[in-house]
Amino acid sequence: MTNFVDGTAFNNEQGNRARKLFAAVVLAALDDAIADDKKYGNGPDQIARWARSRDGREVLTCAGIDPNERVVNGLMDFVAKGVRTSVALSREESERRNAAEALARAAA
């Protein structure tokens, strides 16, 4: 019985690691699209083309993201903002964004 539990836990952990790996690929694709947007001005189009492609849909699915049109629009909006993923995921950026939203609510 304990061998089954250990095997299940190991398989679950392997699945989580694989999901994180594919999530890192999605973040890299976003960074590449942001770089393209700054250099050529076509970043949102590039990420949309990738997300709608067979490979993009497969990577998004393996990362645990449903590859629907709403997700594609969200990826395009993220690229259009031009904030790199490492900055967007940092605590300082989150605190700055929350402070700006609180200031906007107070002003309204």
PDB file of N, CA and C in Angstrom:
ATOM      1  N   MET A   1       0.821  -1.192   0.000  1.00  0.00           N
ATOM      2  CA  MET A   1       0.000   0.000   0.000  1.00  0.00           C
ATOM      3  C   MET A   1       0.869   1.263   0.000  1.00  0.00           C
ATOM      4  N   THR A   2       1.895   1.277   0.848  1.00  0.00           N
ATOM      5  CA  THR A   2       2.746   2.464   0.884  1.00  0.00           C
ATOM      6  C   THR A   2       3.516   2.631  -0.411  1.00  0.00           C
ATOM      7  N   ASN A   3       3.826   1.529  -1.089  1.00  0.00           N
ATOM      8  CA  ASN A   3       4.514   1.617  -2.364  1.00  0.00           C
ATOM      9  C   ASN A   3       3.640   2.309  -3.408  1.00  0.00           C
ATOM     10  N   PHE A   4       2.323   2.028  -3.385  1.00  0.00           N
ATOM     11  CA  PHE A   4       1.386   2.672  -4.303  1.00  0.00           C
ATOM     12  C   PHE A   4       1.313   4.170  -4.009  1.00  0.00           C
ATOM     13  N   VAL A   5       1.253   4.527  -2.728  1.00  0.00           N
ATOM     14  CA  VAL A   5       1.178   5.935  -2.347  1.00  0.00           C
ATOM     15  C   VAL A   5       2.451   6.661  -2.771  1.00  0.00           C
ATOM     16  N   ASP A   6       3.608   6.044  -2.554  1.00  0.00           N
ATOM     17  CA  ASP A   6       4.863   6.660  -2.962  1.00  0.00           C
ATOM     18  C   ASP A   6       4.915   6.840  -4.473  1.00  0.00           C
ATOM     19  N   GLY A   7       4.453   5.851  -5.214  1.00  0.00           N
ATOM     20  CA  GLY A   7       4.442   5.948  -6.670  1.00  0.00           C
ATOM     21  C   GLY A   7       3.512   7.034  -7.159  1.00  0.00           C
ATOM     22  N   THR A   8       2.347   7.151  -6.539  1.00  0.00           N
ATOM     23  CA  THR A   8       1.391   8.193  -6.917  1.00  0.00           C
ATOM     24  C   THR A   8       1.948   9.570  -6.602  1.00  0.00           C
ATOM     25  N   ALA A   9       2.555   9.720  -5.440  1.00  0.00           N
ATOM     26  CA  ALA A   9       3.147  11.002  -5.065  1.00  0.00           C
ATOM     27  C   ALA A   9       4.275  11.369  -6.029  1.00  0.00           C
ATOM     28  N   PHE A  10       5.076  10.392  -6.407  1.00  0.00           N
ATOM     29  CA  PHE A  10       6.171  10.639  -7.345  1.00  0.00           C
ATOM     30  C   PHE A  10       5.621  11.072  -8.697  1.00  0.00           C
ATOM     31  N   ASN A  11       4.595  10.383  -9.185  1.00  0.00           N
ATOM     32  CA  ASN A  11       4.003  10.740 -10.474  1.00  0.00           C
ATOM     33  C   ASN A  11       3.384  12.126 -10.433  1.00  0.00           C
ATOM     34  N   ASN A  12       2.735  12.467  -9.325  1.00  0.00           N
ATOM     35  CA  ASN A  12       2.142  13.791  -9.175  1.00  0.00           C
ATOM     36  C   ASN A  12       3.233  14.862  -9.189  1.00  0.00           C
ATOM     37  N   GLU A  13       4.317  14.590  -8.489  1.00  0.00           N
ATOM     38  CA  GLU A  13       5.432  15.543  -8.443  1.00  0.00           C
ATOM     39  C   GLU A  13       6.067  15.705  -9.825  1.00  0.00           C
ATOM     40  N   GLN A  14       6.204  14.621 -10.551  1.00  0.00           N
ATOM     41  CA  GLN A  14       6.733  14.689 -11.914  1.00  0.00           C
ATOM     42  C   GLN A  14       5.819  15.531 -12.802  1.00  0.00           C
ATOM     43  N   GLY A  15       4.520  15.358 -12.650  1.00  0.00           N
ATOM     44  CA  GLY A  15       3.560  16.145 -13.427  1.00  0.00           C
ATOM     45  C   GLY A  15       3.654  17.620 -13.110  1.00  0.00           C
ATOM     46  N   ASN A  16       3.826  17.944 -11.829  1.00  0.00           N
ATOM     47  CA  ASN A  16       3.963  19.349 -11.440  1.00  0.00           C
ATOM     48  C   ASN A  16       5.233  19.964 -12.023  1.00  0.00           C
ATOM     49  N   ARG A  17       6.310  19.196 -12.014  1.00  0.00           N
ATOM     50  CA  ARG A  17       7.560  19.707 -12.592  1.00  0.00           C
ATOM     51  C   ARG A  17       7.417  19.921 -14.094  1.00  0.00           C
ATOM     52  N   ALA A  18       6.744  19.018 -14.777  1.00  0.00           N
ATOM     53  CA  ALA A  18       6.539  19.173 -16.220  1.00  0.00           C
ATOM     54  C   ALA A  18       5.669  20.392 -16.506  1.00  0.00           C
ATOM     55  N   ARG A  19       4.639  20.603 -15.713  1.00  0.00           N
ATOM     56  CA  ARG A  19       3.755  21.765 -15.885  1.00  0.00           C
ATOM     57  C   ARG A  19       4.544  23.062 -15.710  1.00  0.00           C
ATOM     58  N   LYS A  20       5.429  23.096 -14.707  1.00  0.00           N
ATOM     59  CA  LYS A  20       6.250  24.286 -14.474  1.00  0.00           C
ATOM     60  C   LYS A  20       7.211  24.520 -15.642  1.00  0.00           C
ATOM     61  N   LEU A  21       7.731  23.446 -16.207  1.00  0.00           N
ATOM     62  CA  LEU A  21       8.627  23.574 -17.354  1.00  0.00           C
ATOM     63  C   LEU A  21       7.893  24.202 -18.538  1.00  0.00           C
ATOM     64  N   PHE A  22       6.691  23.739 -18.810  1.00  0.00           N
ATOM     65  CA  PHE A  22       5.924  24.309 -19.915  1.00  0.00           C
ATOM     66  C   PHE A  22       5.479  25.734 -19.619  1.00  0.00           C
ATOM     67  N   ALA A  23       5.215  26.044 -18.348  1.00  0.00           N
ATOM     68  CA  ALA A  23       4.889  27.423 -17.983  1.00  0.00           C
ATOM     69  C   ALA A  23       6.089  28.329 -18.249  1.00  0.00           C
ATOM     70  N   ALA A  24       7.291  27.829 -18.012  1.00  0.00           N
ATOM     71  CA  ALA A  24       8.495  28.606 -18.310  1.00  0.00           C
ATOM     72  C   ALA A  24       8.630  28.850 -19.811  1.00  0.00           C
ATOM     73  N   VAL A  25       8.221  27.887 -20.617  1.00  0.00           N
ATOM     74  CA  VAL A  25       8.249  28.068 -22.077  1.00  0.00           C
ATOM     75  C   VAL A  25       7.264  29.162 -22.480  1.00  0.00           C
ATOM     76  N   VAL A  26       6.099  29.202 -21.857  1.00  0.00           N
ATOM     77  CA  VAL A  26       5.117  30.255 -22.146  1.00  0.00           C
ATOM     78  C   VAL A  26       5.694  31.617 -21.775  1.00  0.00           C
ATOM     79  N   LEU A  27       6.342  31.709 -20.604  1.00  0.00           N
ATOM     80  CA  LEU A  27       6.943  32.977 -20.190  1.00  0.00           C
ATOM     81  C   LEU A  27       8.043  33.407 -21.156  1.00  0.00           C
ATOM     82  N   ALA A  28       8.825  32.455 -21.638  1.00  0.00           N
ATOM     83  CA  ALA A  28       9.873  32.776 -22.614  1.00  0.00           C
ATOM     84  C   ALA A  28       9.258  33.270 -23.924  1.00  0.00           C
ATOM     85  N   ALA A  29       8.162  32.654 -24.339  1.00  0.00           N
ATOM     86  CA  ALA A  29       7.487  33.097 -25.565  1.00  0.00           C
ATOM     87  C   ALA A  29       6.955  34.526 -25.393  1.00  0.00           C
ATOM     88  N   LEU A  30       6.450  34.832 -24.204  1.00  0.00           N
ATOM     89  CA  LEU A  30       5.982  36.199 -23.938  1.00  0.00           C
ATOM     90  C   LEU A  30       7.144  37.190 -23.994  1.00  0.00           C
ATOM     91  N   ASP A  31       8.271  36.834 -23.392  1.00  0.00           N
ATOM     92  CA  ASP A  31       9.433  37.720 -23.429  1.00  0.00           C
ATOM     93  C   ASP A  31       9.930  37.924 -24.855  1.00  0.00           C
ATOM     94  N   ASP A  32       9.926  36.868 -25.646  1.00  0.00           N
ATOM     95  CA  ASP A  32      10.334  36.990 -27.050  1.00  0.00           C
ATOM     96  C   ASP A  32       9.384  37.911 -27.812  1.00  0.00           C
ATOM     97  N   ALA A  33       8.099  37.779 -27.559  1.00  0.00           N
ATOM     98  CA  ALA A  33       7.122  38.624 -28.237  1.00  0.00           C
ATOM     99  C   ALA A  33       7.265  40.082 -27.805  1.00  0.00           C
ATOM    100  N   ILE A  34       7.587  40.320 -26.535  1.00  0.00           N
ATOM    101  CA  ILE A  34       7.802  41.688 -26.049  1.00  0.00           C
ATOM    102  C   ILE A  34       9.041  42.281 -26.723  1.00  0.00           C
ATOM    103  N   ALA A  35      10.097  41.469 -26.849  1.00  0.00           N
ATOM    104  CA  ALA A  35      11.301  41.936 -27.541  1.00  0.00           C
ATOM    105  C   ALA A  35      10.994  42.252 -29.005  1.00  0.00           C
ATOM    106  N   ASP A  36      10.201  41.408 -29.662  1.00  0.00           N
ATOM    107  CA  ASP A  36       9.797  41.676 -31.043  1.00  0.00           C
ATOM    108  C   ASP A  36       8.972  42.945 -31.141  1.00  0.00           C
ATOM    109  N   ASP A  37       8.126  43.167 -30.138  1.00  0.00           N
ATOM    110  CA  ASP A  37       7.284  44.356 -30.151  1.00  0.00           C
ATOM    111  C   ASP A  37       8.136  45.618 -30.045  1.00  0.00           C
ATOM    112  N   LYS A  38       9.150  45.577 -29.201  1.00  0.00           N
ATOM    113  CA  LYS A  38      10.012  46.749 -29.057  1.00  0.00           C
ATOM    114  C   LYS A  38      10.875  46.963 -30.295  1.00  0.00           C
ATOM    115  N   LYS A  39      11.278  45.878 -30.945  1.00  0.00           N
ATOM    116  CA  LYS A  39      12.182  45.983 -32.088  1.00  0.00           C
ATOM    117  C   LYS A  39      11.437  46.207 -33.401  1.00  0.00           C
ATOM    118  N   TYR A  40      10.380  45.425 -33.631  1.00  0.00           N
ATOM    119  CA  TYR A  40       9.674  45.470 -34.913  1.00  0.00           C
ATOM    120  C   TYR A  40       8.241  45.997 -34.825  1.00  0.00           C
ATOM    121  N   GLY A  41       7.673  46.039 -33.614  1.00  0.00           N
ATOM    122  CA  GLY A  41       6.309  46.533 -33.452  1.00  0.00           C
ATOM    123  C   GLY A  41       5.226  45.506 -33.726  1.00  0.00           C
ATOM    124  N   ASN A  42       5.584  44.219 -33.783  1.00  0.00           N
ATOM    125  CA  ASN A  42       4.581  43.197 -34.093  1.00  0.00           C
ATOM    126  C   ASN A  42       4.464  42.134 -32.999  1.00  0.00           C
ATOM    127  N   GLY A  43       4.757  42.479 -31.760  1.00  0.00           N
ATOM    128  CA  GLY A  43       4.746  41.509 -30.670  1.00  0.00           C
ATOM    129  C   GLY A  43       3.397  40.859 -30.423  1.00  0.00           C
ATOM    130  N   PRO A  44       2.324  41.647 -30.287  1.00  0.00           N
ATOM    131  CA  PRO A  44       1.017  41.016 -30.045  1.00  0.00           C
ATOM    132  C   PRO A  44       0.591  40.062 -31.167  1.00  0.00           C
ATOM    133  N   ASP A  45       0.907  40.429 -32.393  1.00  0.00           N
ATOM    134  CA  ASP A  45       0.587  39.541 -33.515  1.00  0.00           C
ATOM    135  C   ASP A  45       1.393  38.248 -33.442  1.00  0.00           C
ATOM    136  N   GLN A  46       2.664  38.365 -33.045  1.00  0.00           N
ATOM    137  CA  GLN A  46       3.521  37.186 -32.945  1.00  0.00           C
ATOM    138  C   GLN A  46       3.021  36.224 -31.875  1.00  0.00           C
ATOM    139  N   ILE A  47       2.674  36.746 -30.699  1.00  0.00           N
ATOM    140  CA  ILE A  47       2.224  35.855 -29.613  1.00  0.00           C
ATOM    141  C   ILE A  47       0.870  35.257 -29.972  1.00  0.00           C
ATOM    142  N   ALA A  48       0.023  36.008 -30.670  1.00  0.00           N
ATOM    143  CA  ALA A  48      -1.279  35.455 -31.080  1.00  0.00           C
ATOM    144  C   ALA A  48      -1.087  34.341 -32.091  1.00  0.00           C
ATOM    145  N   ARG A  49      -0.173  34.549 -33.038  1.00  0.00           N
ATOM    146  CA  ARG A  49       0.095  33.516 -34.035  1.00  0.00           C
ATOM    147  C   ARG A  49       0.642  32.263 -33.369  1.00  0.00           C
ATOM    148  N   TRP A  50       1.556  32.460 -32.394  1.00  0.00           N
ATOM    149  CA  TRP A  50       2.126  31.308 -31.690  1.00  0.00           C
ATOM    150  C   TRP A  50       1.058  30.584 -30.864  1.00  0.00           C
ATOM    151  N   ALA A  51       0.241  31.335 -30.133  1.00  0.00           N
ATOM    152  CA  ALA A  51      -0.759  30.727 -29.250  1.00  0.00           C
ATOM    153  C   ALA A  51      -1.830  29.984 -30.043  1.00  0.00           C
ATOM    154  N   ARG A  52      -2.091  30.429 -31.254  1.00  0.00           N
ATOM    155  CA  ARG A  52      -3.100  29.761 -32.079  1.00  0.00           C
ATOM    156  C   ARG A  52      -2.529  28.598 -32.881  1.00  0.00           C
ATOM    157  N   SER A  53      -1.213  28.501 -32.939  1.00  0.00           N
ATOM    158  CA  SER A  53      -0.596  27.411 -33.682  1.00  0.00           C
ATOM    159  C   SER A  53      -0.752  26.095 -32.918  1.00  0.00           C
ATOM    160  N   ARG A  54      -0.500  25.011 -33.592  1.00  0.00           N
ATOM    161  CA  ARG A  54      -0.617  23.698 -32.960  1.00  0.00           C
ATOM    162  C   ARG A  54       0.383  23.561 -31.810  1.00  0.00           C
ATOM    163  N   ASP A  55       1.621  23.982 -32.048  1.00  0.00           N
ATOM    164  CA  ASP A  55       2.639  23.902 -30.995  1.00  0.00           C
ATOM    165  C   ASP A  55       2.278  24.790 -29.806  1.00  0.00           C
ATOM    166  N   GLY A  56       1.812  25.988 -30.087  1.00  0.00           N
ATOM    167  CA  GLY A  56       1.438  26.905 -29.008  1.00  0.00           C
ATOM    168  C   GLY A  56       0.290  26.355 -28.174  1.00  0.00           C
ATOM    169  N   ARG A  57      -0.713  25.819 -28.845  1.00  0.00           N
ATOM    170  CA  ARG A  57      -1.841  25.235 -28.103  1.00  0.00           C
ATOM    171  C   ARG A  57      -1.379  24.068 -27.252  1.00  0.00           C
ATOM    172  N   GLU A  58      -0.468  23.261 -27.789  1.00  0.00           N
ATOM    173  CA  GLU A  58       0.045  22.113 -27.040  1.00  0.00           C
ATOM    174  C   GLU A  58       0.833  22.567 -25.811  1.00  0.00           C
ATOM    175  N   VAL A  59       1.678  23.575 -25.971  1.00  0.00           N
ATOM    176  CA  VAL A  59       2.468  24.087 -24.845  1.00  0.00           C
ATOM    177  C   VAL A  59       1.547  24.698 -23.792  1.00  0.00           C
ATOM    178  N   LEU A  60       0.575  25.486 -24.223  1.00  0.00           N
ATOM    179  CA  LEU A  60      -0.361  26.083 -23.263  1.00  0.00           C
ATOM    180  C   LEU A  60      -1.130  25.004 -22.506  1.00  0.00           C
ATOM    181  N   THR A  61      -1.571  23.982 -23.201  1.00  0.00           N
ATOM    182  CA  THR A  61      -2.293  22.894 -22.547  1.00  0.00           C
ATOM    183  C   THR A  61      -1.408  22.178 -21.542  1.00  0.00           C
ATOM    184  N   CYS A  62      -0.172  21.899 -21.919  1.00  0.00           N
ATOM    185  CA  CYS A  62       0.752  21.216 -21.000  1.00  0.00           C
ATOM    186  C   CYS A  62       1.110  22.092 -19.809  1.00  0.00           C
ATOM    187  N   ALA A  63       1.027  23.408 -19.973  1.00  0.00           N
ATOM    188  CA  ALA A  63       1.287  24.322 -18.862  1.00  0.00           C
ATOM    189  C   ALA A  63       0.063  24.469 -17.962  1.00  0.00           C
ATOM    190  N   GLY A  64      -1.041  23.846 -18.331  1.00  0.00           N
ATOM    191  CA  GLY A  64      -2.256  23.932 -17.528  1.00  0.00           C
ATOM    192  C   GLY A  64      -3.116  25.127 -17.880  1.00  0.00           C
ATOM    193  N   ILE A  65      -2.923  25.689 -19.077  1.00  0.00           N
ATOM    194  CA  ILE A  65      -3.678  26.858 -19.531  1.00  0.00           C
ATOM    195  C   ILE A  65      -4.576  26.423 -20.673  1.00  0.00           C
ATOM    196  N   ASP A  66      -5.861  26.739 -20.583  1.00  0.00           N
ATOM    197  CA  ASP A  66      -6.802  26.394 -21.646  1.00  0.00           C
ATOM    198  C   ASP A  66      -6.559  27.328 -22.839  1.00  0.00           C
ATOM    199  N   PRO A  67      -6.176  26.805 -23.993  1.00  0.00           N
ATOM    200  CA  PRO A  67      -5.816  27.672 -25.129  1.00  0.00           C
ATOM    201  C   PRO A  67      -7.034  28.191 -25.893  1.00  0.00           C
ATOM    202  N   ASN A  68      -7.843  29.002 -25.242  1.00  0.00           N
ATOM    203  CA  ASN A  68      -9.010  29.561 -25.922  1.00  0.00           C
ATOM    204  C   ASN A  68      -8.722  31.001 -26.355  1.00  0.00           C
ATOM    205  N   GLU A  69      -9.673  31.605 -27.017  1.00  0.00           N
ATOM    206  CA  GLU A  69      -9.473  32.942 -27.575  1.00  0.00           C
ATOM    207  C   GLU A  69      -9.312  34.004 -26.484  1.00  0.00           C
ATOM    208  N   ARG A  70      -9.946  33.790 -25.357  1.00  0.00           N
ATOM    209  CA  ARG A  70      -9.796  34.729 -24.239  1.00  0.00           C
ATOM    210  C   ARG A  70      -8.349  34.750 -23.747  1.00  0.00           C
ATOM    211  N   VAL A  71      -7.723  33.595 -23.686  1.00  0.00           N
ATOM    212  CA  VAL A  71      -6.324  33.501 -23.274  1.00  0.00           C
ATOM    213  C   VAL A  71      -5.440  34.198 -24.303  1.00  0.00           C
ATOM    214  N   VAL A  72      -5.709  33.982 -25.580  1.00  0.00           N
ATOM    215  CA  VAL A  72      -4.920  34.623 -26.631  1.00  0.00           C
ATOM    216  C   VAL A  72      -5.018  36.141 -26.508  1.00  0.00           C
ATOM    217  N   ASN A  73      -6.214  36.651 -26.270  1.00  0.00           N
ATOM    218  CA  ASN A  73      -6.386  38.096 -26.095  1.00  0.00           C
ATOM    219  C   ASN A  73      -5.633  38.600 -24.870  1.00  0.00           C
ATOM    220  N   GLY A  74      -5.637  37.825 -23.799  1.00  0.00           N
ATOM    221  CA  GLY A  74      -4.888  38.199 -22.604  1.00  0.00           C
ATOM    222  C   GLY A  74      -3.390  38.230 -22.849  1.00  0.00           C
ATOM    223  N   LEU A  75      -2.888  37.249 -23.598  1.00  0.00           N
ATOM    224  CA  LEU A  75      -1.467  37.235 -23.941  1.00  0.00           C
ATOM    225  C   LEU A  75      -1.117  38.443 -24.805  1.00  0.00           C
ATOM    226  N   MET A  76      -1.992  38.777 -25.742  1.00  0.00           N
ATOM    227  CA  MET A  76      -1.750  39.936 -26.604  1.00  0.00           C
ATOM    228  C   MET A  76      -1.742  41.224 -25.786  1.00  0.00           C
ATOM    229  N   ASP A  77      -2.662  41.360 -24.845  1.00  0.00           N
ATOM    230  CA  ASP A  77      -2.695  42.545 -23.984  1.00  0.00           C
ATOM    231  C   ASP A  77      -1.438  42.643 -23.139  1.00  0.00           C
ATOM    232  N   PHE A  78      -0.988  41.505 -22.623  1.00  0.00           N
ATOM    233  CA  PHE A  78       0.222  41.486 -21.806  1.00  0.00           C
ATOM    234  C   PHE A  78       1.426  41.948 -22.621  1.00  0.00           C
ATOM    235  N   VAL A  79       1.548  41.455 -23.838  1.00  0.00           N
ATOM    236  CA  VAL A  79       2.670  41.844 -24.696  1.00  0.00           C
ATOM    237  C   VAL A  79       2.565  43.327 -25.056  1.00  0.00           C
ATOM    238  N   ALA A  80       1.357  43.806 -25.299  1.00  0.00           N
ATOM    239  CA  ALA A  80       1.177  45.209 -25.678  1.00  0.00           C
ATOM    240  C   ALA A  80       1.599  46.151 -24.548  1.00  0.00           C
ATOM    241  N   LYS A  81       1.478  45.705 -23.299  1.00  0.00           N
ATOM    242  CA  LYS A  81       1.913  46.552 -22.174  1.00  0.00           C
ATOM    243  C   LYS A  81       3.423  46.699 -22.138  1.00  0.00           C
ATOM    244  N   GLY A  82       4.144  45.718 -22.662  1.00  0.00           N
ATOM    245  CA  GLY A  82       5.590  45.822 -22.769  1.00  0.00           C
ATOM    246  C   GLY A  82       6.371  45.580 -21.495  1.00  0.00           C
ATOM    247  N   VAL A  83       5.753  45.018 -20.481  1.00  0.00           N
ATOM    248  CA  VAL A  83       6.438  44.739 -19.224  1.00  0.00           C
ATOM    249  C   VAL A  83       6.961  43.310 -19.275  1.00  0.00           C
ATOM    250  N   ARG A  84       8.263  43.132 -19.118  1.00  0.00           N
ATOM    251  CA  ARG A  84       8.864  41.797 -19.159  1.00  0.00           C
ATOM    252  C   ARG A  84       8.281  40.922 -18.061  1.00  0.00           C
ATOM    253  N   THR A  85       8.256  39.630 -18.300  1.00  0.00           N
ATOM    254  CA  THR A  85       7.623  38.713 -17.340  1.00  0.00           C
ATOM    255  C   THR A  85       8.350  38.705 -16.004  1.00  0.00           C
ATOM    256  N   SER A  86       9.660  38.822 -16.002  1.00  0.00           N
ATOM    257  CA  SER A  86      10.396  38.822 -14.742  1.00  0.00           C
ATOM    258  C   SER A  86      10.029  40.037 -13.899  1.00  0.00           C
ATOM    259  N   VAL A  87       9.772  41.161 -14.542  1.00  0.00           N
ATOM    260  CA  VAL A  87       9.374  42.377 -13.824  1.00  0.00           C
ATOM    261  C   VAL A  87       7.925  42.267 -13.383  1.00  0.00           C
ATOM    262  N   ALA A  88       7.066  41.772 -14.261  1.00  0.00           N
ATOM    263  CA  ALA A  88       5.646  41.679 -13.957  1.00  0.00           C
ATOM    264  C   ALA A  88       5.381  40.719 -12.800  1.00  0.00           C
ATOM    265  N   LEU A  89       6.218  39.697 -12.658  1.00  0.00           N
ATOM    266  CA  LEU A  89       6.018  38.718 -11.597  1.00  0.00           C
ATOM    267  C   LEU A  89       6.738  39.082 -10.307  1.00  0.00           C
ATOM    268  N   SER A  90       7.468  40.188 -10.299  1.00  0.00           N
ATOM    269  CA  SER A  90       8.213  40.566  -9.103  1.00  0.00           C
ATOM    270  C   SER A  90       7.284  41.205  -8.077  1.00  0.00           C
ATOM    271  N   ARG A  91       7.692  41.163  -6.851  1.00  0.00           N
ATOM    272  CA  ARG A  91       6.905  41.725  -5.751  1.00  0.00           C
ATOM    273  C   ARG A  91       6.820  43.244  -5.856  1.00  0.00           C
ATOM    274  N   GLU A  92       7.913  43.894  -6.271  1.00  0.00           N
ATOM    275  CA  GLU A  92       7.923  45.354  -6.366  1.00  0.00           C
ATOM    276  C   GLU A  92       6.908  45.850  -7.388  1.00  0.00           C
ATOM    277  N   GLU A  93       6.839  45.180  -8.517  1.00  0.00           N
ATOM    278  CA  GLU A  93       5.881  45.571  -9.553  1.00  0.00           C
ATOM    279  C   GLU A  93       4.455  45.370  -9.057  1.00  0.00           C
ATOM    280  N   SER A  94       4.216  44.280  -8.357  1.00  0.00           N
ATOM    281  CA  SER A  94       2.885  44.015  -7.823  1.00  0.00           C
ATOM    282  C   SER A  94       2.487  45.089  -6.815  1.00  0.00           C
ATOM    283  N   GLU A  95       3.409  45.444  -5.948  1.00  0.00           N
ATOM    284  CA  GLU A  95       3.110  46.489  -4.955  1.00  0.00           C
ATOM    285  C   GLU A  95       2.875  47.836  -5.628  1.00  0.00           C
ATOM    286  N   ARG A  96       3.677  48.155  -6.648  1.00  0.00           N
ATOM    287  CA  ARG A  96       3.504  49.416  -7.372  1.00  0.00           C
ATOM    288  C   ARG A  96       2.148  49.464  -8.063  1.00  0.00           C
ATOM    289  N   ARG A  97       1.759  48.347  -8.685  1.00  0.00           N
ATOM    290  CA  ARG A  97       0.483  48.274  -9.385  1.00  0.00           C
ATOM    291  C   ARG A  97      -0.681  48.422  -8.407  1.00  0.00           C
ATOM    292  N   ASN A  98      -0.585  47.748  -7.264  1.00  0.00           N
ATOM    293  CA  ASN A  98      -1.643  47.853  -6.256  1.00  0.00           C
ATOM    294  C   ASN A  98      -1.746  49.263  -5.695  1.00  0.00           C
ATOM    295  N   ALA A  99      -0.605  49.925  -5.479  1.00  0.00           N
ATOM    296  CA  ALA A  99      -0.620  51.299  -4.983  1.00  0.00           C
ATOM    297  C   ALA A  99      -1.242  52.242  -6.008  1.00  0.00           C
ATOM    298  N   ALA A 100      -0.937  52.039  -7.286  1.00  0.00           N
ATOM    299  CA  ALA A 100      -1.518  52.877  -8.336  1.00  0.00           C
ATOM    300  C   ALA A 100      -3.027  52.677  -8.425  1.00  0.00           C
ATOM    301  N   GLU A 101      -3.483  51.428  -8.276  1.00  0.00           N
ATOM    302  CA  GLU A 101      -4.926  51.163  -8.305  1.00  0.00           C
ATOM    303  C   GLU A 101      -5.619  51.790  -7.100  1.00  0.00           C
ATOM    304  N   ALA A 102      -4.995  51.722  -5.933  1.00  0.00           N
ATOM    305  CA  ALA A 102      -5.583  52.302  -4.726  1.00  0.00           C
ATOM    306  C   ALA A 102      -5.653  53.825  -4.866  1.00  0.00           C
ATOM    307  N   LEU A 103      -4.625  54.433  -5.453  1.00  0.00           N
ATOM    308  CA  LEU A 103      -4.622  55.870  -5.674  1.00  0.00           C
ATOM    309  C   LEU A 103      -5.705  56.267  -6.662  1.00  0.00           C
ATOM    310  N   ALA A 104      -5.897  55.476  -7.692  1.00  0.00           N
ATOM    311  CA  ALA A 104      -6.941  55.757  -8.684  1.00  0.00           C
ATOM    312  C   ALA A 104      -8.329  55.638  -8.059  1.00  0.00           C
ATOM    313  N   ARG A 105      -8.512  54.639  -7.181  1.00  0.00           N
ATOM    314  CA  ARG A 105      -9.807  54.499  -6.500  1.00  0.00           C
ATOM    315  C   ARG A 105     -10.067  55.650  -5.545  1.00  0.00           C
ATOM    316  N   ALA A 106      -9.033  56.096  -4.875  1.00  0.00           N
ATOM    317  CA  ALA A 106      -9.188  57.212  -3.929  1.00  0.00           C
ATOM    318  C   ALA A 106      -9.511  58.510  -4.655  1.00  0.00           C
ATOM    319  N   ALA A 107      -8.958  58.678  -5.851  1.00  0.00           N
ATOM    320  CA  ALA A 107      -9.195  59.886  -6.630  1.00  0.00           C
ATOM    321  C   ALA A 107     -10.594  59.896  -7.248  1.00  0.00           C
ATOM    322  N   ALA A 108     -11.170  58.733  -7.431  1.00  0.00           N
ATOM    323  CA  ALA A 108     -12.491  58.659  -8.086  1.00  0.00           C
ATOM    324  C   ALA A 108     -13.635  58.857  -7.148  1.00  0.00           C
TER     325      ALA A 108
END
